[in-house]
Amino acid sequence: MLLIACPYCGPRPEIEFSYGGEAHIARPADPRRADDAAWTSFLYLRANTRGDHAERWRHTHGCGRFFNAVRNTESDHFLATCKIGEPKP
């Protein structure tokens, strides 16, 4: 079983978490003036990198909080986790 280190609760089994997408995606600065291309980029286009990847996760069946993590997409190994708003690990 894969353990994920929640920065609020500590290590917990993976079944307690849900994936929240790529981390550090910037919302358009002025949403009212953003064109279709800007919204398409924000909503759908992701890096989908092979290797180390910054992601957002939620401890759904625990504290309920979101946090950021760096996970290797090839090995499924979590390299680091941090609270939302903290610098990238």
PDB file of N, CA and C in Angstrom:
ATOM      1  N   MET A   1       0.844  -1.182   0.000  1.00  0.00           N
ATOM      2  CA  MET A   1       0.000   0.000   0.000  1.00  0.00           C
ATOM      3  C   MET A   1       0.890   1.245   0.000  1.00  0.00           C
ATOM      4  N   LEU A   2       0.501   2.211  -0.795  1.00  0.00           N
ATOM      5  CA  LEU A   2       1.232   3.468  -0.900  1.00  0.00           C
ATOM      6  C   LEU A   2       0.823   4.377   0.256  1.00  0.00           C
ATOM      7  N   LEU A   3       1.807   4.950   0.938  1.00  0.00           N
ATOM      8  CA  LEU A   3       1.548   5.928   1.990  1.00  0.00           C
ATOM      9  C   LEU A   3       1.850   7.312   1.450  1.00  0.00           C
ATOM     10  N   ILE A   4       0.940   8.247   1.720  1.00  0.00           N
ATOM     11  CA  ILE A   4       1.120   9.642   1.320  1.00  0.00           C
ATOM     12  C   ILE A   4       1.235  10.463   2.594  1.00  0.00           C
ATOM     13  N   ALA A   5       2.257  11.309   2.664  1.00  0.00           N
ATOM     14  CA  ALA A   5       2.491  12.123   3.862  1.00  0.00           C
ATOM     15  C   ALA A   5       1.685  13.413   3.785  1.00  0.00           C
ATOM     16  N   CYS A   6       0.526  13.427   4.424  1.00  0.00           N
ATOM     17  CA  CYS A   6      -0.267  14.657   4.516  1.00  0.00           C
ATOM     18  C   CYS A   6       0.504  15.633   5.403  1.00  0.00           C
ATOM     19  N   PRO A   7       0.737  16.872   4.967  1.00  0.00           N
ATOM     20  CA  PRO A   7       1.492  17.817   5.794  1.00  0.00           C
ATOM     21  C   PRO A   7       0.753  18.228   7.066  1.00  0.00           C
ATOM     22  N   TYR A   8      -0.521  17.897   7.164  1.00  0.00           N
ATOM     23  CA  TYR A   8      -1.307  18.234   8.347  1.00  0.00           C
ATOM     24  C   TYR A   8      -1.482  17.042   9.286  1.00  0.00           C
ATOM     25  N   CYS A   9      -1.598  15.824   8.728  1.00  0.00           N
ATOM     26  CA  CYS A   9      -1.933  14.640   9.516  1.00  0.00           C
ATOM     27  C   CYS A   9      -0.832  13.590   9.576  1.00  0.00           C
ATOM     28  N   GLY A  10       0.173  13.708   8.722  1.00  0.00           N
ATOM     29  CA  GLY A  10       1.214  12.702   8.667  1.00  0.00           C
ATOM     30  C   GLY A  10       0.892  11.617   7.641  1.00  0.00           C
ATOM     31  N   PRO A  11       1.699  10.554   7.602  1.00  0.00           N
ATOM     32  CA  PRO A  11       1.516   9.494   6.608  1.00  0.00           C
ATOM     33  C   PRO A  11       0.187   8.760   6.771  1.00  0.00           C
ATOM     34  N   ARG A  12      -0.515   8.603   5.656  1.00  0.00           N
ATOM     35  CA  ARG A  12      -1.799   7.901   5.632  1.00  0.00           C
ATOM     36  C   ARG A  12      -1.872   7.056   4.365  1.00  0.00           C
ATOM     37  N   PRO A  13      -2.728   6.015   4.338  1.00  0.00           N
ATOM     38  CA  PRO A  13      -2.853   5.195   3.127  1.00  0.00           C
ATOM     39  C   PRO A  13      -3.470   5.970   1.970  1.00  0.00           C
ATOM     40  N   GLU A  14      -3.060   5.609   0.769  1.00  0.00           N
ATOM     41  CA  GLU A  14      -3.485   6.330  -0.439  1.00  0.00           C
ATOM     42  C   GLU A  14      -4.995   6.377  -0.631  1.00  0.00           C
ATOM     43  N   ILE A  15      -5.737   5.421  -0.095  1.00  0.00           N
ATOM     44  CA  ILE A  15      -7.192   5.396  -0.295  1.00  0.00           C
ATOM     45  C   ILE A  15      -7.895   6.566   0.387  1.00  0.00           C
ATOM     46  N   GLU A  16      -7.189   7.276   1.268  1.00  0.00           N
ATOM     47  CA  GLU A  16      -7.769   8.441   1.939  1.00  0.00           C
ATOM     48  C   GLU A  16      -7.673   9.722   1.108  1.00  0.00           C
ATOM     49  N   PHE A  17      -6.986   9.680  -0.031  1.00  0.00           N
ATOM     50  CA  PHE A  17      -6.684  10.889  -0.796  1.00  0.00           C
ATOM     51  C   PHE A  17      -7.348  10.877  -2.163  1.00  0.00           C
ATOM     52  N   SER A  18      -7.517  12.077  -2.714  1.00  0.00           N
ATOM     53  CA  SER A  18      -7.983  12.210  -4.095  1.00  0.00           C
ATOM     54  C   SER A  18      -7.081  13.215  -4.816  1.00  0.00           C
ATOM     55  N   TYR A  19      -6.835  12.916  -6.080  1.00  0.00           N
ATOM     56  CA  TYR A  19      -5.960  13.720  -6.917  1.00  0.00           C
ATOM     57  C   TYR A  19      -6.682  15.000  -7.319  1.00  0.00           C
ATOM     58  N   GLY A  20      -5.986  16.123  -7.265  1.00  0.00           N
ATOM     59  CA  GLY A  20      -6.594  17.402  -7.592  1.00  0.00           C
ATOM     60  C   GLY A  20      -6.019  18.090  -8.806  1.00  0.00           C
ATOM     61  N   GLY A  21      -5.183  17.398  -9.574  1.00  0.00           N
ATOM     62  CA  GLY A  21      -4.632  17.989 -10.789  1.00  0.00           C
ATOM     63  C   GLY A  21      -3.248  18.574 -10.586  1.00  0.00           C
ATOM     64  N   GLU A  22      -2.741  19.159 -11.641  1.00  0.00           N
ATOM     65  CA  GLU A  22      -1.411  19.764 -11.611  1.00  0.00           C
ATOM     66  C   GLU A  22      -1.419  20.975 -10.678  1.00  0.00           C
ATOM     67  N   ALA A  23      -0.358  21.122  -9.930  1.00  0.00           N
ATOM     68  CA  ALA A  23      -0.247  22.243  -8.987  1.00  0.00           C
ATOM     69  C   ALA A  23       0.326  23.475  -9.668  1.00  0.00           C
ATOM     70  N   HIS A  24       0.114  24.612  -9.042  1.00  0.00           N
ATOM     71  CA  HIS A  24       0.707  25.892  -9.445  1.00  0.00           C
ATOM     72  C   HIS A  24       0.235  26.355 -10.827  1.00  0.00           C
ATOM     73  N   ILE A  25      -1.029  26.168 -11.142  1.00  0.00           N
ATOM     74  CA  ILE A  25      -1.620  26.656 -12.380  1.00  0.00           C
ATOM     75  C   ILE A  25      -2.187  28.046 -12.084  1.00  0.00           C
ATOM     76  N   ALA A  26      -1.716  29.048 -12.800  1.00  0.00           N
ATOM     77  CA  ALA A  26      -2.144  30.428 -12.545  1.00  0.00           C
ATOM     78  C   ALA A  26      -3.443  30.740 -13.287  1.00  0.00           C
ATOM     79  N   ARG A  27      -4.420  31.244 -12.545  1.00  0.00           N
ATOM     80  CA  ARG A  27      -5.688  31.679 -13.124  1.00  0.00           C
ATOM     81  C   ARG A  27      -5.439  32.956 -13.922  1.00  0.00           C
ATOM     82  N   PRO A  28      -6.179  33.195 -15.007  1.00  0.00           N
ATOM     83  CA  PRO A  28      -5.990  34.452 -15.754  1.00  0.00           C
ATOM     84  C   PRO A  28      -6.102  35.667 -14.826  1.00  0.00           C
ATOM     85  N   ALA A  29      -5.206  36.631 -14.997  1.00  0.00           N
ATOM     86  CA  ALA A  29      -5.146  37.796 -14.114  1.00  0.00           C
ATOM     87  C   ALA A  29      -6.471  38.569 -14.099  1.00  0.00           C
ATOM     88  N   ASP A  30      -7.066  38.784 -15.252  1.00  0.00           N
ATOM     89  CA  ASP A  30      -8.354  39.473 -15.347  1.00  0.00           C
ATOM     90  C   ASP A  30      -9.326  38.551 -16.086  1.00  0.00           C
ATOM     91  N   PRO A  31     -10.068  37.711 -15.346  1.00  0.00           N
ATOM     92  CA  PRO A  31     -10.930  36.718 -15.977  1.00  0.00           C
ATOM     93  C   PRO A  31     -11.939  37.290 -16.969  1.00  0.00           C
ATOM     94  N   ARG A  32     -12.424  38.522 -16.729  1.00  0.00           N
ATOM     95  CA  ARG A  32     -13.413  39.117 -17.638  1.00  0.00           C
ATOM     96  C   ARG A  32     -12.835  39.452 -19.003  1.00  0.00           C
ATOM     97  N   ARG A  33     -11.536  39.705 -19.062  1.00  0.00           N
ATOM     98  CA  ARG A  33     -10.888  40.085 -20.323  1.00  0.00           C
ATOM     99  C   ARG A  33     -10.191  38.902 -21.005  1.00  0.00           C
ATOM    100  N   ALA A  34     -10.168  37.747 -20.354  1.00  0.00           N
ATOM    101  CA  ALA A  34      -9.476  36.586 -20.927  1.00  0.00           C
ATOM    102  C   ALA A  34     -10.248  36.058 -22.129  1.00  0.00           C
ATOM    103  N   ASP A  35      -9.520  35.759 -23.192  1.00  0.00           N
ATOM    104  CA  ASP A  35     -10.159  35.219 -24.391  1.00  0.00           C
ATOM    105  C   ASP A  35     -10.264  33.694 -24.290  1.00  0.00           C
ATOM    106  N   ASP A  36     -10.834  33.072 -25.308  1.00  0.00           N
ATOM    107  CA  ASP A  36     -11.029  31.627 -25.300  1.00  0.00           C
ATOM    108  C   ASP A  36      -9.709  30.871 -25.194  1.00  0.00           C
ATOM    109  N   ALA A  37      -8.673  31.363 -25.835  1.00  0.00           N
ATOM    110  CA  ALA A  37      -7.373  30.690 -25.782  1.00  0.00           C
ATOM    111  C   ALA A  37      -6.808  30.687 -24.359  1.00  0.00           C
ATOM    112  N   ALA A  38      -6.964  31.786 -23.643  1.00  0.00           N
ATOM    113  CA  ALA A  38      -6.476  31.861 -22.268  1.00  0.00           C
ATOM    114  C   ALA A  38      -7.240  30.905 -21.362  1.00  0.00           C
ATOM    115  N   TRP A  39      -8.570  30.832 -21.538  1.00  0.00           N
ATOM    116  CA  TRP A  39      -9.373  29.917 -20.730  1.00  0.00           C
ATOM    117  C   TRP A  39      -9.088  28.465 -21.086  1.00  0.00           C
ATOM    118  N   THR A  40      -8.876  28.181 -22.360  1.00  0.00           N
ATOM    119  CA  THR A  40      -8.534  26.819 -22.770  1.00  0.00           C
ATOM    120  C   THR A  40      -7.226  26.401 -22.127  1.00  0.00           C
ATOM    121  N   SER A  41      -6.245  27.269 -22.147  1.00  0.00           N
ATOM    122  CA  SER A  41      -4.957  26.979 -21.536  1.00  0.00           C
ATOM    123  C   SER A  41      -5.104  26.727 -20.038  1.00  0.00           C
ATOM    124  N   PHE A  42      -5.855  27.587 -19.344  1.00  0.00           N
ATOM    125  CA  PHE A  42      -6.028  27.454 -17.898  1.00  0.00           C
ATOM    126  C   PHE A  42      -6.798  26.186 -17.523  1.00  0.00           C
ATOM    127  N   LEU A  43      -7.839  25.876 -18.255  1.00  0.00           N
ATOM    128  CA  LEU A  43      -8.704  24.755 -17.883  1.00  0.00           C
ATOM    129  C   LEU A  43      -8.221  23.385 -18.348  1.00  0.00           C
ATOM    130  N   TYR A  44      -7.579  23.317 -19.494  1.00  0.00           N
ATOM    131  CA  TYR A  44      -7.321  22.013 -20.091  1.00  0.00           C
ATOM    132  C   TYR A  44      -5.869  21.639 -20.348  1.00  0.00           C
ATOM    133  N   LEU A  45      -5.017  22.592 -20.637  1.00  0.00           N
ATOM    134  CA  LEU A  45      -3.658  22.260 -21.040  1.00  0.00           C
ATOM    135  C   LEU A  45      -2.757  22.048 -19.818  1.00  0.00           C
ATOM    136  N   ARG A  46      -2.165  20.875 -19.741  1.00  0.00           N
ATOM    137  CA  ARG A  46      -1.296  20.526 -18.623  1.00  0.00           C
ATOM    138  C   ARG A  46       0.023  19.983 -19.142  1.00  0.00           C
ATOM    139  N   ALA A  47       1.056  20.061 -18.324  1.00  0.00           N
ATOM    140  CA  ALA A  47       2.389  19.622 -18.724  1.00  0.00           C
ATOM    141  C   ALA A  47       2.456  18.105 -18.905  1.00  0.00           C
ATOM    142  N   ASN A  48       1.810  17.352 -18.028  1.00  0.00           N
ATOM    143  CA  ASN A  48       1.796  15.893 -18.097  1.00  0.00           C
ATOM    144  C   ASN A  48       3.212  15.339 -18.272  1.00  0.00           C
ATOM    145  N   THR A  49       4.105  15.801 -17.407  1.00  0.00           N
ATOM    146  CA  THR A  49       5.509  15.431 -17.530  1.00  0.00           C
ATOM    147  C   THR A  49       5.771  14.002 -17.087  1.00  0.00           C
ATOM    148  N   ARG A  50       6.814  13.452 -17.648  1.00  0.00           N
ATOM    149  CA  ARG A  50       7.270  12.133 -17.253  1.00  0.00           C
ATOM    150  C   ARG A  50       8.394  12.355 -16.249  1.00  0.00           C
ATOM    151  N   GLY A  51       8.243  11.803 -15.066  1.00  0.00           N
ATOM    152  CA  GLY A  51       9.233  12.013 -14.006  1.00  0.00           C
ATOM    153  C   GLY A  51       8.630  12.834 -12.881  1.00  0.00           C
ATOM    154  N   ASP A  52       9.411  13.717 -12.287  1.00  0.00           N
ATOM    155  CA  ASP A  52       8.953  14.522 -11.155  1.00  0.00           C
ATOM    156  C   ASP A  52       7.911  15.541 -11.615  1.00  0.00           C
ATOM    157  N   HIS A  53       6.793  15.573 -10.893  1.00  0.00           N
ATOM    158  CA  HIS A  53       5.642  16.379 -11.317  1.00  0.00           C
ATOM    159  C   HIS A  53       4.971  16.992 -10.088  1.00  0.00           C
ATOM    160  N   ALA A  54       4.733  18.313 -10.118  1.00  0.00           N
ATOM    161  CA  ALA A  54       4.050  18.999  -9.008  1.00  0.00           C
ATOM    162  C   ALA A  54       2.541  18.822  -9.154  1.00  0.00           C
ATOM    163  N   GLU A  55       1.900  18.332  -8.096  1.00  0.00           N
ATOM    164  CA  GLU A  55       0.472  18.021  -8.125  1.00  0.00           C
ATOM    165  C   GLU A  55      -0.234  18.568  -6.892  1.00  0.00           C
ATOM    166  N   ARG A  56      -1.528  18.694  -7.012  1.00  0.00           N
ATOM    167  CA  ARG A  56      -2.375  19.074  -5.883  1.00  0.00           C
ATOM    168  C   ARG A  56      -3.156  17.831  -5.455  1.00  0.00           C
ATOM    169  N   TRP A  57      -3.202  17.596  -4.156  1.00  0.00           N
ATOM    170  CA  TRP A  57      -3.934  16.457  -3.599  1.00  0.00           C
ATOM    171  C   TRP A  57      -4.844  16.936  -2.477  1.00  0.00           C
ATOM    172  N   ARG A  58      -5.866  16.147  -2.181  1.00  0.00           N
ATOM    173  CA  ARG A  58      -6.781  16.458  -1.074  1.00  0.00           C
ATOM    174  C   ARG A  58      -6.894  15.249  -0.173  1.00  0.00           C
ATOM    175  N   HIS A  59      -6.758  15.468   1.118  1.00  0.00           N
ATOM    176  CA  HIS A  59      -6.924  14.401   2.107  1.00  0.00           C
ATOM    177  C   HIS A  59      -8.426  14.248   2.383  1.00  0.00           C
ATOM    178  N   THR A  60      -9.097  13.647   1.432  1.00  0.00           N
ATOM    179  CA  THR A  60     -10.556  13.567   1.417  1.00  0.00           C
ATOM    180  C   THR A  60     -11.132  12.892   2.658  1.00  0.00           C
ATOM    181  N   HIS A  61     -10.573  11.756   3.029  1.00  0.00           N
ATOM    182  CA  HIS A  61     -11.101  10.991   4.166  1.00  0.00           C
ATOM    183  C   HIS A  61     -10.259  11.209   5.415  1.00  0.00           C
ATOM    184  N   GLY A  62      -9.795  12.416   5.587  1.00  0.00           N
ATOM    185  CA  GLY A  62      -9.004  12.797   6.752  1.00  0.00           C
ATOM    186  C   GLY A  62      -9.354  14.227   7.119  1.00  0.00           C
ATOM    187  N   CYS A  63      -8.370  15.105   7.060  1.00  0.00           N
ATOM    188  CA  CYS A  63      -8.583  16.503   7.440  1.00  0.00           C
ATOM    189  C   CYS A  63      -9.359  17.290   6.385  1.00  0.00           C
ATOM    190  N   GLY A  64      -9.432  16.765   5.161  1.00  0.00           N
ATOM    191  CA  GLY A  64     -10.187  17.435   4.101  1.00  0.00           C
ATOM    192  C   GLY A  64      -9.434  18.563   3.418  1.00  0.00           C
ATOM    193  N   ARG A  65      -8.194  18.785   3.779  1.00  0.00           N
ATOM    194  CA  ARG A  65      -7.431  19.905   3.234  1.00  0.00           C
ATOM    195  C   ARG A  65      -6.693  19.531   1.950  1.00  0.00           C
ATOM    196  N   PHE A  66      -6.475  20.552   1.114  1.00  0.00           N
ATOM    197  CA  PHE A  66      -5.643  20.401  -0.071  1.00  0.00           C
ATOM    198  C   PHE A  66      -4.190  20.641   0.306  1.00  0.00           C
ATOM    199  N   PHE A  67      -3.286  20.018  -0.415  1.00  0.00           N
ATOM    200  CA  PHE A  67      -1.858  20.257  -0.254  1.00  0.00           C
ATOM    201  C   PHE A  67      -1.167  19.978  -1.588  1.00  0.00           C
ATOM    202  N   ASN A  68       0.051  20.442  -1.707  1.00  0.00           N
ATOM    203  CA  ASN A  68       0.839  20.210  -2.919  1.00  0.00           C
ATOM    204  C   ASN A  68       1.837  19.084  -2.671  1.00  0.00           C
ATOM    205  N   ALA A  69       2.148  18.367  -3.730  1.00  0.00           N
ATOM    206  CA  ALA A  69       3.109  17.267  -3.635  1.00  0.00           C
ATOM    207  C   ALA A  69       3.938  17.207  -4.905  1.00  0.00           C
ATOM    208  N   VAL A  70       5.131  16.684  -4.769  1.00  0.00           N
ATOM    209  CA  VAL A  70       5.960  16.364  -5.924  1.00  0.00           C
ATOM    210  C   VAL A  70       6.017  14.841  -5.979  1.00  0.00           C
ATOM    211  N   ARG A  71       5.541  14.289  -7.100  1.00  0.00           N
ATOM    212  CA  ARG A  71       5.474  12.834  -7.269  1.00  0.00           C
ATOM    213  C   ARG A  71       6.163  12.452  -8.571  1.00  0.00           C
ATOM    214  N   ASN A  72       6.892  11.363  -8.528  1.00  0.00           N
ATOM    215  CA  ASN A  72       7.507  10.842  -9.744  1.00  0.00           C
ATOM    216  C   ASN A  72       6.455   9.993 -10.450  1.00  0.00           C
ATOM    217  N   THR A  73       6.095  10.383 -11.663  1.00  0.00           N
ATOM    218  CA  THR A  73       5.012   9.701 -12.377  1.00  0.00           C
ATOM    219  C   THR A  73       5.420   8.333 -12.909  1.00  0.00           C
ATOM    220  N   GLU A  74       6.709   8.057 -12.968  1.00  0.00           N
ATOM    221  CA  GLU A  74       7.164   6.739 -13.423  1.00  0.00           C
ATOM    222  C   GLU A  74       7.166   5.715 -12.295  1.00  0.00           C
ATOM    223  N   SER A  75       7.621   6.128 -11.112  1.00  0.00           N
ATOM    224  CA  SER A  75       7.714   5.197  -9.977  1.00  0.00           C
ATOM    225  C   SER A  75       6.530   5.316  -9.021  1.00  0.00           C
ATOM    226  N   ASP A  76       5.720   6.382  -9.155  1.00  0.00           N
ATOM    227  CA  ASP A  76       4.604   6.674  -8.255  1.00  0.00           C
ATOM    228  C   ASP A  76       5.080   6.971  -6.831  1.00  0.00           C
ATOM    229  N   HIS A  77       6.341   7.383  -6.708  1.00  0.00           N
ATOM    230  CA  HIS A  77       6.928   7.699  -5.413  1.00  0.00           C
ATOM    231  C   HIS A  77       6.751   9.189  -5.121  1.00  0.00           C
ATOM    232  N   PHE A  78       6.250   9.519  -3.920  1.00  0.00           N
ATOM    233  CA  PHE A  78       6.104  10.906  -3.496  1.00  0.00           C
ATOM    234  C   PHE A  78       7.437  11.387  -2.942  1.00  0.00           C
ATOM    235  N   LEU A  79       7.974  12.449  -3.532  1.00  0.00           N
ATOM    236  CA  LEU A  79       9.267  12.980  -3.119  1.00  0.00           C
ATOM    237  C   LEU A  79       9.127  13.997  -1.992  1.00  0.00           C
ATOM    238  N   ALA A  80       8.036  14.780  -2.014  1.00  0.00           N
ATOM    239  CA  ALA A  80       7.829  15.806  -0.980  1.00  0.00           C
ATOM    240  C   ALA A  80       6.370  16.250  -0.995  1.00  0.00           C
ATOM    241  N   THR A  81       5.924  16.754   0.144  1.00  0.00           N
ATOM    242  CA  THR A  81       4.590  17.370   0.250  1.00  0.00           C
ATOM    243  C   THR A  81       4.736  18.682   1.011  1.00  0.00           C
ATOM    244  N   CYS A  82       3.824  19.611   0.757  1.00  0.00           N
ATOM    245  CA  CYS A  82       3.834  20.877   1.487  1.00  0.00           C
ATOM    246  C   CYS A  82       2.417  21.456   1.509  1.00  0.00           C
ATOM    247  N   LYS A  83       2.201  22.344   2.445  1.00  0.00           N
ATOM    248  CA  LYS A  83       0.906  23.001   2.575  1.00  0.00           C
ATOM    249  C   LYS A  83       0.709  23.991   1.429  1.00  0.00           C
ATOM    250  N   ILE A  84      -0.544  24.256   1.077  1.00  0.00           N
ATOM    251  CA  ILE A  84      -0.854  25.236   0.062  1.00  0.00           C
ATOM    252  C   ILE A  84      -0.319  26.596   0.516  1.00  0.00           C
ATOM    253  N   GLY A  85       0.326  27.306  -0.387  1.00  0.00           N
ATOM    254  CA  GLY A  85       0.877  28.619  -0.060  1.00  0.00           C
ATOM    255  C   GLY A  85       2.344  28.586   0.310  1.00  0.00           C
ATOM    256  N   GLU A  86       2.866  27.413   0.669  1.00  0.00           N
ATOM    257  CA  GLU A  86       4.299  27.300   0.956  1.00  0.00           C
ATOM    258  C   GLU A  86       5.066  27.215  -0.358  1.00  0.00           C
ATOM    259  N   PRO A  87       6.351  27.560  -0.353  1.00  0.00           N
ATOM    260  CA  PRO A  87       7.146  27.457  -1.582  1.00  0.00           C
ATOM    261  C   PRO A  87       7.179  26.025  -2.104  1.00  0.00           C
ATOM    262  N   LYS A  88       7.402  25.898  -3.419  1.00  0.00           N
ATOM    263  CA  LYS A  88       7.492  24.576  -4.026  1.00  0.00           C
ATOM    264  C   LYS A  88       8.602  23.776  -3.363  1.00  0.00           C
ATOM    265  N   PRO A  89       8.328  22.522  -3.040  1.00  0.00           N
ATOM    266  CA  PRO A  89       9.397  21.700  -2.428  1.00  0.00           C
ATOM    267  C   PRO A  89      10.486  21.363  -3.422  1.00  0.00           C
TER     268      PRO A  89
END
